[in-house]
Amino acid sequence: MTDQLDEGLWAWKQSENNNRMIARQQAAPAEGPVRLAYFGGSAFRITTPSGLTLMIDPWRNPPWGTWNWYLFDFPEVEVDIGLSTHAHFDHDALHRLHASTLLDRLIGRYEFADVAITGIADKHVSDTSHADVDWAGLTRKLTPMETLPPDNWRSFDNTLLLIETGGLRILHWGDNRPDPSPEIWERLGHVDVALLPIDGSQHVLGYEQIETIRDRLRPRVIVPHHYFIWNVTHRASTLGPPNDWMAGQARRQWTTSGEVTLPADWVAQQDGLALCFGEHVCFDPPDLTQAADRQDRA
């Protein structure tokens, strides 16, 4: 594993430049579908109709180095805009991106080319008594970290990211608490595609909480993330696959690759579709079959 913890941001060493962003500053509006690609964890790449690329929540391993969540480093991907919902290791590896613009824990509104991004400040989930492992409770018992709002440490803040492009409103939930204030729900409004943390261990959201969020947002499409993938994620993460939740959905569809196209007219025809990438990611995971830290597939 590479160690860039003491290096800081390293854009000064990247051979790419922002020529694409310069060109898009004056480009005419584009028409066409949005593309959504999954990179494991909570990481998604969104490609707008004009070709602008956004990467949300690239991951890394815990910085304390005593145990890992991932079998390898996040791929070094070139994108136009990198975003992070909150300051946890499995969401904040912006240093892995070759990006022209970085929006770390955005609060407020950013507009460029054919995308508008609204960051709505709220709080990370801090009650995980519903989960297989009550990791938030253990954090309070075993560390000095304050996880409960309103006096929580920075890492237990969260930004809800609302991306508007191609006629769609796409919400990345991050690890937000399930019960934000009425003002937050009002600001979120109608959502076409909701990217929600859903896994078999109910690590972030419990199944009942997911249904409450669904009832409030009424998304046309729900896409799970933050779950176990056998050749990406360590079992030590305690995460589970999304299969049980998916099996309980009346309207469900598994993708056949790590990227899907989301035409606005197709999304408008859906009614609470559960769309899951499963084990598909939009990069080639390293072949770890000969590695010492190999995990057998469950």
Protein backbone atom coordinates (compact mmCIF):
# COMPACT_ATOMS: atom_id res chain seq x y z
CA MET A 1 0.00 0.00 0.00
CA THR A 2 1.31 3.44 -0.84
CA ASP A 3 1.60 5.93 1.99
CA GLN A 4 0.73 9.53 1.13
CA LEU A 5 -0.54 10.51 4.55
CA ASP A 6 2.33 12.92 5.21
CA GLU A 7 2.58 14.14 1.63
CA GLY A 8 -0.58 16.22 1.36
CA LEU A 9 -2.16 17.09 -1.93
CA TRP A 10 0.10 16.33 -4.85
CA ALA A 11 -1.58 18.07 -7.79
CA TRP A 12 1.71 19.89 -8.43
CA LYS A 13 3.15 16.55 -9.64
CA GLN A 14 0.28 15.68 -11.98
CA SER A 15 0.96 15.84 -15.70
CA GLU A 16 -2.64 16.74 -16.57
CA ASN A 17 -4.02 20.27 -16.77
CA ASN A 18 -7.37 22.09 -16.77
CA ASN A 19 -7.63 22.59 -20.53
CA ARG A 20 -10.91 20.67 -20.59
CA MET A 21 -12.34 23.00 -17.95
CA ILE A 22 -11.20 26.06 -19.92
CA ALA A 23 -13.00 24.73 -22.99
CA ARG A 24 -16.19 24.01 -21.06
CA GLN A 25 -16.35 27.54 -19.63
CA GLN A 26 -17.66 28.76 -22.98
CA ALA A 27 -19.22 25.60 -24.39
CA ALA A 28 -22.86 25.55 -25.43
CA PRO A 29 -25.29 23.51 -23.31
CA ALA A 30 -25.32 19.84 -24.23
CA GLU A 31 -28.16 17.36 -24.45
CA GLY A 32 -28.09 13.67 -23.72
CA PRO A 33 -28.14 11.16 -20.88
CA VAL A 34 -26.22 11.11 -17.62
CA ARG A 35 -23.87 8.22 -16.94
CA LEU A 36 -23.35 6.76 -13.45
CA ALA A 37 -20.32 4.59 -12.64
CA TYR A 38 -19.62 2.74 -9.39
CA PHE A 39 -16.13 2.44 -7.89
CA GLY A 40 -16.95 0.47 -4.72
CA GLY A 41 -17.45 1.88 -1.25
CA SER A 42 -19.50 5.06 -1.65
CA ALA A 43 -17.57 6.22 -4.72
CA PHE A 44 -19.48 7.16 -7.86
CA ARG A 45 -18.45 8.91 -11.04
CA ILE A 46 -21.16 10.99 -12.67
CA THR A 47 -20.68 12.04 -16.29
CA THR A 48 -22.90 14.90 -17.45
CA PRO A 49 -24.34 15.20 -20.98
CA SER A 50 -21.46 17.53 -21.93
CA GLY A 51 -18.88 14.98 -20.72
CA LEU A 52 -17.99 16.74 -17.46
CA THR A 53 -16.93 14.14 -14.89
CA LEU A 54 -17.49 14.20 -11.13
CA MET A 55 -16.10 11.66 -8.64
CA ILE A 56 -17.80 11.51 -5.25
CA ASP A 57 -16.28 9.92 -2.12
CA PRO A 58 -13.13 8.11 -3.25
CA TRP A 59 -11.91 5.81 -0.47
CA ARG A 60 -8.70 4.89 1.33
CA ASN A 61 -7.76 2.63 4.23
CA PRO A 62 -7.89 3.78 7.86
CA PRO A 63 -4.90 6.06 8.53
CA TRP A 64 -3.99 4.41 11.85
CA GLY A 65 -2.64 1.39 9.95
CA THR A 66 -3.70 -1.41 12.30
CA TRP A 67 -6.35 -2.88 10.00
CA ASN A 68 -7.67 -2.27 6.51
CA TRP A 69 -11.05 -1.93 4.85
CA TYR A 70 -9.84 -2.23 1.28
CA LEU A 71 -7.59 -4.71 -0.48
CA PHE A 72 -5.72 -2.04 -2.46
CA ASP A 73 -5.52 1.70 -3.05
CA PHE A 74 -8.27 3.60 -4.82
CA PRO A 75 -7.43 3.79 -8.54
CA GLU A 76 -5.84 7.04 -9.66
CA VAL A 77 -8.65 8.35 -11.84
CA GLU A 78 -8.70 11.52 -13.93
CA VAL A 79 -11.90 13.53 -13.46
CA ASP A 80 -12.90 17.16 -13.77
CA ILE A 81 -14.36 17.58 -10.26
CA GLY A 82 -13.73 15.60 -7.09
CA LEU A 83 -16.10 15.73 -4.11
CA SER A 84 -16.21 14.34 -0.58
CA THR A 85 -19.26 14.19 1.68
CA HIS A 86 -17.37 13.97 4.98
CA ALA A 87 -14.05 13.46 6.72
CA HIS A 88 -13.94 9.68 7.10
CA PHE A 89 -11.27 7.56 5.45
CA ASP A 90 -13.74 5.61 3.30
CA HIS A 91 -15.03 8.85 1.74
CA ASP A 92 -12.22 11.43 1.66
CA ALA A 93 -9.36 10.18 -0.56
CA LEU A 94 -9.44 13.22 -2.82
CA HIS A 95 -5.65 13.00 -3.05
CA ARG A 96 -6.07 9.89 -5.24
CA LEU A 97 -7.85 11.87 -7.95
CA HIS A 98 -6.30 13.67 -10.89
CA ALA A 99 -8.87 16.46 -10.75
CA SER A 100 -9.06 20.07 -11.89
CA THR A 101 -11.40 21.06 -9.04
CA LEU A 102 -11.79 19.62 -5.53
CA LEU A 103 -14.92 20.31 -3.46
CA ASP A 104 -14.31 18.89 -0.01
CA ARG A 105 -17.41 18.89 2.21
CA LEU A 106 -19.10 21.52 0.05
CA ILE A 107 -21.65 23.71 1.84
CA GLY A 108 -23.52 25.96 -0.54
CA ARG A 109 -23.88 25.90 -4.31
CA TYR A 110 -21.39 25.32 -7.12
CA GLU A 111 -22.30 25.73 -10.79
CA PHE A 112 -20.17 24.99 -13.83
CA ALA A 113 -20.95 24.02 -17.43
CA ASP A 114 -24.03 21.75 -17.30
CA VAL A 115 -23.98 20.84 -13.60
CA ALA A 116 -25.18 22.50 -10.41
CA ILE A 117 -24.11 21.00 -7.07
CA THR A 118 -25.71 21.93 -3.77
CA GLY A 119 -24.03 20.91 -0.53
CA ILE A 120 -26.43 20.78 2.42
CA ALA A 121 -24.72 20.67 5.81
CA ASP A 122 -26.03 18.13 8.30
CA LYS A 123 -24.74 15.38 10.59
CA HIS A 124 -23.24 11.91 10.20
CA VAL A 125 -25.20 9.01 11.64
CA SER A 126 -24.20 8.62 15.31
CA ASP A 127 -26.73 6.03 16.53
CA THR A 128 -25.79 2.63 15.14
CA SER A 129 -27.58 0.49 17.70
CA HIS A 130 -29.53 -1.01 14.78
CA ALA A 131 -26.37 -2.33 13.09
CA ASP A 132 -24.69 -5.71 13.42
CA VAL A 133 -21.76 -3.84 14.99
CA ASP A 134 -22.56 -0.73 17.04
CA TRP A 135 -19.39 0.98 15.86
CA ALA A 136 -20.53 4.52 16.79
CA GLY A 137 -21.22 3.37 20.34
CA LEU A 138 -17.85 1.64 20.49
CA THR A 139 -16.19 4.82 19.23
CA ARG A 140 -17.62 6.73 22.18
CA LYS A 141 -16.49 4.05 24.62
CA LEU A 142 -12.98 3.48 23.27
CA THR A 143 -11.89 6.94 22.09
CA PRO A 144 -12.21 10.56 23.24
CA MET A 145 -14.07 11.41 20.05
CA GLU A 146 -17.45 13.08 20.47
CA THR A 147 -19.87 11.67 17.92
CA LEU A 148 -23.21 13.04 19.10
CA PRO A 149 -24.56 16.33 17.72
CA PRO A 150 -24.42 19.22 18.20
CA ASP A 151 -20.94 18.99 19.78
CA ASN A 152 -19.60 16.22 17.55
CA TRP A 153 -16.10 16.29 16.09
CA ARG A 154 -15.66 17.27 12.45
CA SER A 155 -15.69 13.68 11.19
CA PHE A 156 -19.27 13.29 12.42
CA ASP A 157 -20.51 16.09 10.21
CA ASN A 158 -21.84 15.20 6.77
CA THR A 159 -22.77 17.05 3.61
CA LEU A 160 -25.68 15.88 1.52
CA LEU A 161 -24.73 16.43 -2.13
CA LEU A 162 -27.49 17.23 -4.61
CA ILE A 163 -26.29 17.08 -8.23
CA GLU A 164 -28.49 18.56 -10.95
CA THR A 165 -27.61 17.73 -14.54
CA GLY A 166 -29.20 16.29 -17.63
CA GLY A 167 -32.69 16.91 -16.30
CA LEU A 168 -32.00 14.78 -13.20
CA ARG A 169 -31.67 15.54 -9.49
CA ILE A 170 -29.23 13.02 -8.04
CA LEU A 171 -28.69 12.88 -4.27
CA HIS A 172 -25.60 11.37 -2.66
CA TRP A 173 -26.57 10.71 0.96
CA GLY A 174 -23.03 10.11 2.20
CA ASP A 175 -23.35 8.72 5.73
CA ASN A 176 -25.99 11.21 6.85
CA ARG A 177 -28.24 10.57 9.82
CA PRO A 178 -31.69 9.27 8.86
CA ASP A 179 -33.65 12.01 10.62
CA PRO A 180 -32.45 15.46 9.50
CA SER A 181 -34.53 18.51 10.35
CA PRO A 182 -37.67 19.46 8.38
CA GLU A 183 -35.69 22.32 6.81
CA ILE A 184 -33.24 19.80 5.33
CA TRP A 185 -36.05 17.70 3.84
CA GLU A 186 -37.55 20.84 2.35
CA ARG A 187 -34.25 21.81 0.76
CA LEU A 188 -33.80 18.34 -0.70
CA GLY A 189 -37.21 18.40 -2.32
CA HIS A 190 -37.90 15.97 -5.17
CA VAL A 191 -35.11 13.53 -5.97
CA ASP A 192 -34.89 11.42 -9.13
CA VAL A 193 -31.96 9.20 -8.12
CA ALA A 194 -30.99 8.55 -4.49
CA LEU A 195 -27.57 7.04 -3.77
CA LEU A 196 -28.08 5.50 -0.32
CA PRO A 197 -25.71 3.53 1.99
CA ILE A 198 -27.34 0.08 2.07
CA ASP A 199 -25.60 -3.09 3.18
CA GLY A 200 -26.46 -6.37 4.90
CA SER A 201 -24.91 -5.31 8.23
CA GLN A 202 -27.00 -2.10 8.25
CA HIS A 203 -23.75 -0.28 9.00
CA VAL A 204 -25.09 3.25 8.33
CA LEU A 205 -28.83 2.97 7.78
CA GLY A 206 -31.20 0.36 9.14
CA TYR A 207 -33.74 -1.12 6.76
CA GLU A 208 -36.63 0.72 8.47
CA GLN A 209 -34.70 3.98 8.21
CA ILE A 210 -34.19 3.40 4.49
CA GLU A 211 -37.95 3.06 4.06
CA THR A 212 -38.53 6.29 5.96
CA ILE A 213 -36.07 8.11 3.70
CA ARG A 214 -37.74 6.58 0.64
CA ASP A 215 -41.14 7.81 1.85
CA ARG A 216 -39.78 11.35 2.31
CA LEU A 217 -37.78 11.65 -0.93
CA ARG A 218 -39.92 9.47 -3.23
CA PRO A 219 -36.96 8.80 -5.54
CA ARG A 220 -37.63 7.18 -8.86
CA VAL A 221 -34.43 5.14 -8.54
CA ILE A 222 -32.47 4.02 -5.45
CA VAL A 223 -28.86 2.92 -5.87
CA PRO A 224 -27.19 1.13 -2.91
CA HIS A 225 -23.57 1.78 -1.94
CA HIS A 226 -21.26 1.36 1.08
CA TYR A 227 -21.40 -2.45 0.95
CA PHE A 228 -19.04 -5.44 0.88
CA ILE A 229 -17.52 -6.50 -2.46
CA TRP A 230 -15.44 -9.67 -2.24
CA ASN A 231 -12.50 -8.49 -4.38
CA VAL A 232 -12.50 -4.86 -3.19
CA THR A 233 -13.44 -4.85 0.51
CA HIS A 234 -11.93 -6.65 3.52
CA ARG A 235 -14.22 -8.72 5.71
CA ALA A 236 -12.68 -6.73 8.59
CA SER A 237 -14.83 -3.80 7.48
CA THR A 238 -17.82 -5.74 8.97
CA LEU A 239 -19.87 -4.66 5.94
CA GLY A 240 -22.26 -7.05 4.23
CA PRO A 241 -23.52 -7.31 0.65
CA PRO A 242 -26.80 -5.61 -0.34
CA ASN A 243 -28.42 -8.86 -1.50
CA ASP A 244 -30.96 -9.28 1.32
CA TRP A 245 -32.24 -5.75 0.92
CA MET A 246 -32.43 -6.11 -2.85
CA ALA A 247 -34.33 -9.38 -2.51
CA GLY A 248 -37.05 -7.55 -0.58
CA GLN A 249 -37.62 -4.94 -3.30
CA ALA A 250 -40.64 -5.38 -5.53
CA ARG A 251 -38.94 -3.42 -8.31
CA ARG A 252 -35.28 -4.33 -8.59
CA GLN A 253 -32.62 -4.55 -11.24
CA TRP A 254 -28.96 -5.62 -11.12
CA THR A 255 -26.57 -3.93 -13.52
CA THR A 256 -24.40 -5.99 -15.83
CA SER A 257 -21.39 -3.65 -15.63
CA GLY A 258 -19.83 -0.95 -13.47
CA GLU A 259 -21.45 1.91 -15.41
CA VAL A 260 -25.02 2.61 -16.49
CA THR A 261 -26.69 5.24 -18.64
CA LEU A 262 -29.57 7.18 -17.09
CA PRO A 263 -31.69 8.90 -19.73
CA ALA A 264 -34.02 11.38 -18.06
CA ASP A 265 -37.10 9.99 -19.81
CA TRP A 266 -36.27 6.43 -18.64
CA VAL A 267 -35.74 7.60 -15.05
CA ALA A 268 -39.08 9.46 -15.17
CA GLN A 269 -40.83 6.17 -15.92
CA GLN A 270 -39.47 4.41 -12.84
CA ASP A 271 -41.31 4.12 -9.54
CA GLY A 272 -38.92 3.32 -6.68
CA LEU A 273 -36.68 1.03 -8.73
CA ALA A 274 -33.80 -0.51 -6.74
CA LEU A 275 -30.84 -0.46 -9.12
CA CYS A 276 -27.74 -2.20 -7.77
CA PHE A 277 -24.24 -2.61 -9.21
CA GLY A 278 -23.58 -5.66 -7.02
CA GLU A 279 -19.99 -6.78 -7.54
CA HIS A 280 -19.49 -4.68 -10.67
CA VAL A 281 -17.10 -1.73 -10.39
CA CYS A 282 -15.90 0.62 -13.12
CA PHE A 283 -12.23 -0.35 -12.96
CA ASP A 284 -10.21 -3.55 -13.05
CA PRO A 285 -9.41 -4.64 -9.47
CA PRO A 286 -5.89 -6.01 -9.07
CA ASP A 287 -5.54 -9.78 -9.24
CA LEU A 288 -5.01 -10.68 -5.60
CA THR A 289 -5.18 -14.44 -5.95
CA GLN A 290 -1.46 -14.80 -5.21
CA ALA A 291 -1.30 -12.11 -2.54
CA ALA A 292 -0.58 -12.94 1.07
CA ASP A 293 -3.68 -11.08 2.24
CA ARG A 294 -6.02 -12.95 -0.11
CA GLN A 295 -9.56 -13.52 1.13
CA ASP A 296 -11.45 -16.49 -0.18
CA ARG A 297 -14.69 -15.54 -1.82
CA ALA A 298 -17.67 -16.04 0.47
